[in-house]
């Protein structure tokens, strides 16, 4: 499932780079929701950067955040929890 989502996020970034911002903007919330469901949470600064880029209509910046930052966040191993850690 993760590979499919990252592939679709990269394809979405490509759409933004090609100037297809209207269609891509309609797909963005769906993919972000899937990313949230898969990961449980996303870094608040990443979400803020995505929103700022979209508000400024900085489609290339938004594409970069999607393709590099979001994909990296989704493919990086989750940080281990310290629950039950007795040090």
PDB file of N, CA and C in Angstrom:
ATOM      1  N   UNK A   1       0.829  -1.188   0.000  1.00  0.00           N
ATOM      2  CA  UNK A   1       0.000   0.000   0.000  1.00  0.00           C
ATOM      3  C   UNK A   1       0.873   1.251   0.000  1.00  0.00           C
ATOM      4  N   UNK A   2       1.989   1.222   0.752  1.00  0.00           N
ATOM      5  CA  UNK A   2       2.863   2.379   0.843  1.00  0.00           C
ATOM      6  C   UNK A   2       3.430   2.729  -0.526  1.00  0.00           C
ATOM      7  N   UNK A   3       3.860   1.722  -1.313  1.00  0.00           N
ATOM      8  CA  UNK A   3       4.429   1.991  -2.630  1.00  0.00           C
ATOM      9  C   UNK A   3       3.406   2.638  -3.545  1.00  0.00           C
ATOM     10  N   UNK A   4       2.181   2.174  -3.486  1.00  0.00           N
ATOM     11  CA  UNK A   4       1.126   2.745  -4.310  1.00  0.00           C
ATOM     12  C   UNK A   4       0.881   4.204  -3.935  1.00  0.00           C
ATOM     13  N   UNK A   5       0.855   4.509  -2.659  1.00  0.00           N
ATOM     14  CA  UNK A   5       0.611   5.875  -2.210  1.00  0.00           C
ATOM     15  C   UNK A   5       1.765   6.783  -2.621  1.00  0.00           C
ATOM     16  N   UNK A   6       2.982   6.351  -2.415  1.00  0.00           N
ATOM     17  CA  UNK A   6       4.122   7.187  -2.790  1.00  0.00           C
ATOM     18  C   UNK A   6       4.178   7.385  -4.303  1.00  0.00           C
ATOM     19  N   UNK A   7       3.812   6.380  -5.054  1.00  0.00           N
ATOM     20  CA  UNK A   7       3.761   6.517  -6.513  1.00  0.00           C
ATOM     21  C   UNK A   7       2.725   7.553  -6.907  1.00  0.00           C
ATOM     22  N   UNK A   8       1.565   7.517  -6.266  1.00  0.00           N
ATOM     23  CA  UNK A   8       0.512   8.483  -6.577  1.00  0.00           C
ATOM     24  C   UNK A   8       0.888   9.896  -6.124  1.00  0.00           C
ATOM     25  N   UNK A   9       1.621  10.018  -5.023  1.00  0.00           N
ATOM     26  CA  UNK A   9       2.077  11.336  -4.570  1.00  0.00           C
ATOM     27  C   UNK A   9       3.087  11.896  -5.564  1.00  0.00           C
ATOM     28  N   UNK A  10       3.990  11.056  -6.044  1.00  0.00           N
ATOM     29  CA  UNK A  10       4.954  11.519  -7.062  1.00  0.00           C
ATOM     30  C   UNK A  10       4.246  11.922  -8.353  1.00  0.00           C
ATOM     31  N   UNK A  11       3.233  11.171  -8.732  1.00  0.00           N
ATOM     32  CA  UNK A  11       2.459  11.524  -9.937  1.00  0.00           C
ATOM     33  C   UNK A  11       1.733  12.855  -9.729  1.00  0.00           C
ATOM     34  N   UNK A  12       1.237  13.083  -8.518  1.00  0.00           N
ATOM     35  CA  UNK A  12       0.571  14.349  -8.204  1.00  0.00           C
ATOM     36  C   UNK A  12       1.565  15.508  -8.292  1.00  0.00           C
ATOM     37  N   UNK A  13       2.756  15.315  -7.760  1.00  0.00           N
ATOM     38  CA  UNK A  13       3.792  16.344  -7.857  1.00  0.00           C
ATOM     39  C   UNK A  13       4.088  16.652  -9.325  1.00  0.00           C
ATOM     40  N   UNK A  14       4.138  15.627 -10.141  1.00  0.00           N
ATOM     41  CA  UNK A  14       4.384  15.808 -11.581  1.00  0.00           C
ATOM     42  C   UNK A  14       3.257  16.642 -12.211  1.00  0.00           C
ATOM     43  N   UNK A  15       2.023  16.390 -11.801  1.00  0.00           N
ATOM     44  CA  UNK A  15       0.893  17.184 -12.311  1.00  0.00           C
ATOM     45  C   UNK A  15       1.070  18.665 -11.979  1.00  0.00           C
ATOM     46  N   UNK A  16       1.459  18.956 -10.736  1.00  0.00           N
ATOM     47  CA  UNK A  16       1.685  20.346 -10.358  1.00  0.00           C
ATOM     48  C   UNK A  16       2.783  20.962 -11.208  1.00  0.00           C
ATOM     49  N   UNK A  17       3.847  20.202 -11.470  1.00  0.00           N
ATOM     50  CA  UNK A  17       4.954  20.721 -12.280  1.00  0.00           C
ATOM     51  C   UNK A  17       4.539  20.981 -13.723  1.00  0.00           C
ATOM     52  N   UNK A  18       3.570  20.220 -14.204  1.00  0.00           N
ATOM     53  CA  UNK A  18       3.094  20.398 -15.577  1.00  0.00           C
ATOM     54  C   UNK A  18       2.047  21.506 -15.698  1.00  0.00           C
ATOM     55  N   UNK A  19       1.717  22.143 -14.577  1.00  0.00           N
ATOM     56  CA  UNK A  19       0.755  23.236 -14.617  1.00  0.00           C
ATOM     57  C   UNK A  19      -0.689  22.795 -14.531  1.00  0.00           C
ATOM     58  N   UNK A  20      -0.922  21.558 -14.157  1.00  0.00           N
ATOM     59  CA  UNK A  20      -2.283  21.035 -14.026  1.00  0.00           C
ATOM     60  C   UNK A  20      -2.753  21.203 -12.583  1.00  0.00           C
ATOM     61  N   UNK A  21      -2.687  22.456 -12.105  1.00  0.00           N
ATOM     62  CA  UNK A  21      -2.923  22.723 -10.687  1.00  0.00           C
ATOM     63  C   UNK A  21      -4.365  22.502 -10.256  1.00  0.00           C
ATOM     64  N   UNK A  22      -5.330  22.731 -11.135  1.00  0.00           N
ATOM     65  CA  UNK A  22      -6.738  22.566 -10.744  1.00  0.00           C
ATOM     66  C   UNK A  22      -7.027  21.095 -10.460  1.00  0.00           C
ATOM     67  N   UNK A  23      -6.675  20.232 -11.381  1.00  0.00           N
ATOM     68  CA  UNK A  23      -6.905  18.795 -11.189  1.00  0.00           C
ATOM     69  C   UNK A  23      -6.084  18.269 -10.018  1.00  0.00           C
ATOM     70  N   UNK A  24      -4.834  18.713  -9.926  1.00  0.00           N
ATOM     71  CA  UNK A  24      -3.962  18.242  -8.853  1.00  0.00           C
ATOM     72  C   UNK A  24      -4.471  18.702  -7.489  1.00  0.00           C
ATOM     73  N   UNK A  25      -4.994  19.927  -7.415  1.00  0.00           N
ATOM     74  CA  UNK A  25      -5.508  20.447  -6.149  1.00  0.00           C
ATOM     75  C   UNK A  25      -6.727  19.674  -5.662  1.00  0.00           C
ATOM     76  N   UNK A  26      -7.459  19.084  -6.584  1.00  0.00           N
ATOM     77  CA  UNK A  26      -8.616  18.270  -6.197  1.00  0.00           C
ATOM     78  C   UNK A  26      -8.175  16.924  -5.637  1.00  0.00           C
ATOM     79  N   UNK A  27      -7.048  16.418  -6.097  1.00  0.00           N
ATOM     80  CA  UNK A  27      -6.535  15.124  -5.648  1.00  0.00           C
ATOM     81  C   UNK A  27      -5.747  15.244  -4.348  1.00  0.00           C
ATOM     82  N   UNK A  28      -5.154  16.405  -4.110  1.00  0.00           N
ATOM     83  CA  UNK A  28      -4.283  16.600  -2.958  1.00  0.00           C
ATOM     84  C   UNK A  28      -4.926  16.223  -1.620  1.00  0.00           C
ATOM     85  N   UNK A  29      -6.139  16.685  -1.293  1.00  0.00           N
ATOM     86  CA  UNK A  29      -6.715  16.317   0.014  1.00  0.00           C
ATOM     87  C   UNK A  29      -6.925  14.819   0.186  1.00  0.00           C
ATOM     88  N   UNK A  30      -7.269  14.142  -0.886  1.00  0.00           N
ATOM     89  CA  UNK A  30      -7.495  12.693  -0.824  1.00  0.00           C
ATOM     90  C   UNK A  30      -6.195  11.976  -0.463  1.00  0.00           C
ATOM     91  N   UNK A  31      -5.115  12.351  -1.144  1.00  0.00           N
ATOM     92  CA  UNK A  31      -3.836  11.686  -0.885  1.00  0.00           C
ATOM     93  C   UNK A  31      -3.287  12.054   0.491  1.00  0.00           C
ATOM     94  N   UNK A  32      -3.490  13.298   0.918  1.00  0.00           N
ATOM     95  CA  UNK A  32      -3.046  13.665   2.262  1.00  0.00           C
ATOM     96  C   UNK A  32      -3.814  12.890   3.328  1.00  0.00           C
ATOM     97  N   UNK A  33      -5.091  12.684   3.103  1.00  0.00           N
ATOM     98  CA  UNK A  33      -5.885  11.900   4.057  1.00  0.00           C
ATOM     99  C   UNK A  33      -5.390  10.457   4.104  1.00  0.00           C
ATOM    100  N   UNK A  34      -5.073   9.894   2.954  1.00  0.00           N
ATOM    101  CA  UNK A  34      -4.519   8.536   2.924  1.00  0.00           C
ATOM    102  C   UNK A  34      -3.182   8.481   3.655  1.00  0.00           C
ATOM    103  N   UNK A  35      -2.355   9.506   3.460  1.00  0.00           N
ATOM    104  CA  UNK A  35      -1.065   9.555   4.150  1.00  0.00           C
ATOM    105  C   UNK A  35      -1.269   9.634   5.653  1.00  0.00           C
ATOM    106  N   UNK A  36      -2.234  10.442   6.086  1.00  0.00           N
ATOM    107  CA  UNK A  36      -2.544  10.534   7.518  1.00  0.00           C
ATOM    108  C   UNK A  36      -3.046   9.208   8.066  1.00  0.00           C
ATOM    109  N   UNK A  37      -3.899   8.547   7.317  1.00  0.00           N
ATOM    110  CA  UNK A  37      -4.420   7.257   7.764  1.00  0.00           C
ATOM    111  C   UNK A  37      -3.313   6.221   7.878  1.00  0.00           C
ATOM    112  N   UNK A  38      -2.384   6.270   6.937  1.00  0.00           N
ATOM    113  CA  UNK A  38      -1.296   5.295   6.927  1.00  0.00           C
ATOM    114  C   UNK A  38      -0.283   5.579   8.028  1.00  0.00           C
ATOM    115  N   UNK A  39       0.067   6.825   8.196  1.00  0.00           N
ATOM    116  CA  UNK A  39       1.145   7.204   9.110  1.00  0.00           C
ATOM    117  C   UNK A  39       0.637   7.501  10.521  1.00  0.00           C
ATOM    118  N   UNK A  40      -0.624   7.881  10.638  1.00  0.00           N
ATOM    119  CA  UNK A  40      -1.167   8.257  11.939  1.00  0.00           C
ATOM    120  C   UNK A  40      -1.071   9.746  12.187  1.00  0.00           C
ATOM    121  N   UNK A  41       0.036  10.351  11.767  1.00  0.00           N
ATOM    122  CA  UNK A  41       0.206  11.799  11.868  1.00  0.00           C
ATOM    123  C   UNK A  41       1.308  12.208  10.897  1.00  0.00           C
ATOM    124  N   UNK A  42       1.312  13.473  10.581  1.00  0.00           N
ATOM    125  CA  UNK A  42       2.352  14.035   9.723  1.00  0.00           C
ATOM    126  C   UNK A  42       2.962  15.216  10.461  1.00  0.00           C
ATOM    127  N   UNK A  43       4.221  15.512  10.200  1.00  0.00           N
ATOM    128  CA  UNK A  43       4.846  16.652  10.886  1.00  0.00           C
ATOM    129  C   UNK A  43       4.081  17.950  10.611  1.00  0.00           C
ATOM    130  N   UNK A  44       3.738  18.675  11.668  1.00  0.00           N
ATOM    131  CA  UNK A  44       2.979  19.919  11.492  1.00  0.00           C
ATOM    132  C   UNK A  44       3.686  20.928  10.577  1.00  0.00           C
ATOM    133  N   UNK A  45       5.017  20.985  10.639  1.00  0.00           N
ATOM    134  CA  UNK A  45       5.731  21.930   9.787  1.00  0.00           C
ATOM    135  C   UNK A  45       5.634  21.546   8.311  1.00  0.00           C
ATOM    136  N   UNK A  46       5.525  20.258   8.018  1.00  0.00           N
ATOM    137  CA  UNK A  46       5.347  19.815   6.634  1.00  0.00           C
ATOM    138  C   UNK A  46       3.958  20.216   6.131  1.00  0.00           C
ATOM    139  N   UNK A  47       2.942  19.990   6.945  1.00  0.00           N
ATOM    140  CA  UNK A  47       1.579  20.381   6.572  1.00  0.00           C
ATOM    141  C   UNK A  47       1.515  21.895   6.354  1.00  0.00           C
ATOM    142  N   UNK A  48       2.138  22.655   7.253  1.00  0.00           N
ATOM    143  CA  UNK A  48       2.147  24.119   7.121  1.00  0.00           C
ATOM    144  C   UNK A  48       2.840  24.547   5.826  1.00  0.00           C
ATOM    145  N   UNK A  49       3.942  23.895   5.487  1.00  0.00           N
ATOM    146  CA  UNK A  49       4.661  24.234   4.255  1.00  0.00           C
ATOM    147  C   UNK A  49       3.831  23.910   3.025  1.00  0.00           C
ATOM    148  N   UNK A  50       3.132  22.780   3.046  1.00  0.00           N
ATOM    149  CA  UNK A  50       2.259  22.417   1.932  1.00  0.00           C
ATOM    150  C   UNK A  50       1.160  23.460   1.754  1.00  0.00           C
ATOM    151  N   UNK A  51       0.542  23.855   2.863  1.00  0.00           N
ATOM    152  CA  UNK A  51      -0.541  24.838   2.798  1.00  0.00           C
ATOM    153  C   UNK A  51      -0.055  26.206   2.344  1.00  0.00           C
ATOM    154  N   UNK A  52       1.110  26.628   2.852  1.00  0.00           N
ATOM    155  CA  UNK A  52       1.662  27.922   2.430  1.00  0.00           C
ATOM    156  C   UNK A  52       1.956  27.929   0.929  1.00  0.00           C
ATOM    157  N   UNK A  53       2.520  26.844   0.437  1.00  0.00           N
ATOM    158  CA  UNK A  53       2.815  26.766  -0.998  1.00  0.00           C
ATOM    159  C   UNK A  53       1.533  26.823  -1.811  1.00  0.00           C
ATOM    160  N   UNK A  54       0.510  26.127  -1.352  1.00  0.00           N
ATOM    161  CA  UNK A  54      -0.762  26.134  -2.078  1.00  0.00           C
ATOM    162  C   UNK A  54      -1.403  27.522  -2.039  1.00  0.00           C
ATOM    163  N   UNK A  55      -1.366  28.181  -0.894  1.00  0.00           N
ATOM    164  CA  UNK A  55      -1.951  29.519  -0.787  1.00  0.00           C
ATOM    165  C   UNK A  55      -1.250  30.522  -1.696  1.00  0.00           C
ATOM    166  N   UNK A  56       0.078  30.394  -1.828  1.00  0.00           N
ATOM    167  CA  UNK A  56       0.846  31.294  -2.694  1.00  0.00           C
ATOM    168  C   UNK A  56       0.781  30.881  -4.165  1.00  0.00           C
ATOM    169  N   UNK A  57       0.136  29.758  -4.414  1.00  0.00           N
ATOM    170  CA  UNK A  57       0.084  29.166  -5.749  1.00  0.00           C
ATOM    171  C   UNK A  57       1.494  28.896  -6.268  1.00  0.00           C
ATOM    172  N   UNK A  58       2.338  28.455  -5.359  1.00  0.00           N
ATOM    173  CA  UNK A  58       3.708  28.068  -5.673  1.00  0.00           C
ATOM    174  C   UNK A  58       3.702  26.571  -5.988  1.00  0.00           C
ATOM    175  N   UNK A  59       3.287  26.255  -7.202  1.00  0.00           N
ATOM    176  CA  UNK A  59       3.063  24.858  -7.571  1.00  0.00           C
ATOM    177  C   UNK A  59       4.363  24.058  -7.613  1.00  0.00           C
ATOM    178  N   UNK A  60       5.460  24.688  -8.000  1.00  0.00           N
ATOM    179  CA  UNK A  60       6.737  23.972  -8.029  1.00  0.00           C
ATOM    180  C   UNK A  60       7.225  23.682  -6.609  1.00  0.00           C
ATOM    181  N   UNK A  61       7.054  24.649  -5.722  1.00  0.00           N
ATOM    182  CA  UNK A  61       7.413  24.418  -4.328  1.00  0.00           C
ATOM    183  C   UNK A  61       6.553  23.326  -3.705  1.00  0.00           C
ATOM    184  N   UNK A  62       5.260  23.362  -4.002  1.00  0.00           N
ATOM    185  CA  UNK A  62       4.346  22.343  -3.499  1.00  0.00           C
ATOM    186  C   UNK A  62       4.740  20.966  -4.032  1.00  0.00           C
ATOM    187  N   UNK A  63       5.084  20.915  -5.311  1.00  0.00           N
ATOM    188  CA  UNK A  63       5.514  19.643  -5.910  1.00  0.00           C
ATOM    189  C   UNK A  63       6.767  19.121  -5.217  1.00  0.00           C
ATOM    190  N   UNK A  64       7.704  20.012  -4.910  1.00  0.00           N
ATOM    191  CA  UNK A  64       8.923  19.583  -4.214  1.00  0.00           C
ATOM    192  C   UNK A  64       8.607  19.033  -2.833  1.00  0.00           C
ATOM    193  N   UNK A  65       7.757  19.734  -2.085  1.00  0.00           N
ATOM    194  CA  UNK A  65       7.383  19.239  -0.753  1.00  0.00           C
ATOM    195  C   UNK A  65       6.706  17.881  -0.839  1.00  0.00           C
ATOM    196  N   UNK A  66       5.849  17.709  -1.829  1.00  0.00           N
ATOM    197  CA  UNK A  66       5.162  16.418  -1.978  1.00  0.00           C
ATOM    198  C   UNK A  66       6.149  15.316  -2.326  1.00  0.00           C
ATOM    199  N   UNK A  67       6.913  15.560  -3.385  1.00  0.00           N
ATOM    200  CA  UNK A  67       7.776  14.494  -3.916  1.00  0.00           C
ATOM    201  C   UNK A  67       8.942  14.152  -3.004  1.00  0.00           C
ATOM    202  N   UNK A  68       9.493  15.131  -2.341  1.00  0.00           N
ATOM    203  CA  UNK A  68      10.684  14.856  -1.534  1.00  0.00           C
ATOM    204  C   UNK A  68      10.390  14.763  -0.045  1.00  0.00           C
ATOM    205  N   UNK A  69       9.741  15.747   0.529  1.00  0.00           N
ATOM    206  CA  UNK A  69       9.517  15.741   1.974  1.00  0.00           C
ATOM    207  C   UNK A  69       8.440  14.744   2.407  1.00  0.00           C
ATOM    208  N   UNK A  70       7.286  14.779   1.743  1.00  0.00           N
ATOM    209  CA  UNK A  70       6.205  13.884   2.139  1.00  0.00           C
ATOM    210  C   UNK A  70       6.561  12.435   1.852  1.00  0.00           C
ATOM    211  N   UNK A  71       7.108  12.165   0.685  1.00  0.00           N
ATOM    212  CA  UNK A  71       7.498  10.783   0.358  1.00  0.00           C
ATOM    213  C   UNK A  71       8.560  10.299   1.335  1.00  0.00           C
ATOM    214  N   UNK A  72       9.511  11.155   1.675  1.00  0.00           N
ATOM    215  CA  UNK A  72      10.536  10.764   2.651  1.00  0.00           C
ATOM    216  C   UNK A  72       9.904  10.445   4.008  1.00  0.00           C
ATOM    217  N   UNK A  73       8.962  11.269   4.422  1.00  0.00           N
ATOM    218  CA  UNK A  73       8.274  11.043   5.699  1.00  0.00           C
ATOM    219  C   UNK A  73       7.540   9.705   5.692  1.00  0.00           C
ATOM    220  N   UNK A  74       6.911   9.382   4.570  1.00  0.00           N
ATOM    221  CA  UNK A  74       6.143   8.139   4.499  1.00  0.00           C
ATOM    222  C   UNK A  74       7.027   6.903   4.390  1.00  0.00           C
ATOM    223  N   UNK A  75       8.201   7.054   3.803  1.00  0.00           N
ATOM    224  CA  UNK A  75       9.057   5.885   3.607  1.00  0.00           C
ATOM    225  C   UNK A  75      10.068   5.698   4.730  1.00  0.00           C
ATOM    226  N   UNK A  76      10.277   6.737   5.536  1.00  0.00           N
ATOM    227  CA  UNK A  76      11.197   6.617   6.671  1.00  0.00           C
ATOM    228  C   UNK A  76      10.551   5.755   7.749  1.00  0.00           C
ATOM    229  N   UNK A  77      11.347   4.930   8.387  1.00  0.00           N
ATOM    230  CA  UNK A  77      10.778   4.113   9.471  1.00  0.00           C
ATOM    231  C   UNK A  77      10.257   5.007  10.582  1.00  0.00           C
ATOM    232  N   UNK A  78       9.165   4.576  11.178  1.00  0.00           N
ATOM    233  CA  UNK A  78       8.587   5.331  12.297  1.00  0.00           C
ATOM    234  C   UNK A  78       9.571   5.281  13.454  1.00  0.00           C
ATOM    235  N   UNK A  79       9.618   6.369  14.193  1.00  0.00           N
ATOM    236  CA  UNK A  79      10.513   6.374  15.352  1.00  0.00           C
ATOM    237  C   UNK A  79       9.976   5.407  16.397  1.00  0.00           C
ATOM    238  N   UNK A  80      10.848   4.631  17.001  1.00  0.00           N
ATOM    239  CA  UNK A  80      10.369   3.654  17.987  1.00  0.00           C
ATOM    240  C   UNK A  80       9.809   4.347  19.212  1.00  0.00           C
ATOM    241  N   UNK A  81       8.811   3.726  19.769  1.00  0.00           N
ATOM    242  CA  UNK A  81       8.208   4.282  20.982  1.00  0.00           C
ATOM    243  C   UNK A  81       9.030   3.872  22.179  1.00  0.00           C
ATOM    244  N   UNK A  82       8.939   4.653  23.218  1.00  0.00           N
ATOM    245  CA  UNK A  82       9.685   4.337  24.430  1.00  0.00           C
ATOM    246  C   UNK A  82       8.786   3.735  25.495  1.00  0.00           C
ATOM    247  N   UNK A  83       7.560   3.393  25.117  1.00  0.00           N
ATOM    248  CA  UNK A  83       6.639   2.796  26.083  1.00  0.00           C
ATOM    249  C   UNK A  83       7.216   1.465  26.561  1.00  0.00           C
ATOM    250  N   UNK A  84       7.270   1.309  27.824  1.00  0.00           N
ATOM    251  CA  UNK A  84       7.776   0.067  28.384  1.00  0.00           C
ATOM    252  C   UNK A  84       9.296   0.019  28.463  1.00  0.00           C
ATOM    253  N   UNK A  85       9.952   1.097  28.036  1.00  0.00           N
ATOM    254  CA  UNK A  85      11.410   1.143  28.070  1.00  0.00           C
ATOM    255  C   UNK A  85      11.850   1.424  29.496  1.00  0.00           C
ATOM    256  N   UNK A  86      12.587   0.522  30.034  1.00  0.00           N
ATOM    257  CA  UNK A  86      13.082   0.686  31.411  1.00  0.00           C
ATOM    258  C   UNK A  86      14.570   0.948  31.327  1.00  0.00           C
ATOM    259  N   UNK A  87      14.945   2.165  31.612  1.00  0.00           N
ATOM    260  CA  UNK A  87      16.370   2.519  31.541  1.00  0.00           C
ATOM    261  C   UNK A  87      16.954   2.681  32.915  1.00  0.00           C
TER     262      UNK A  87
END
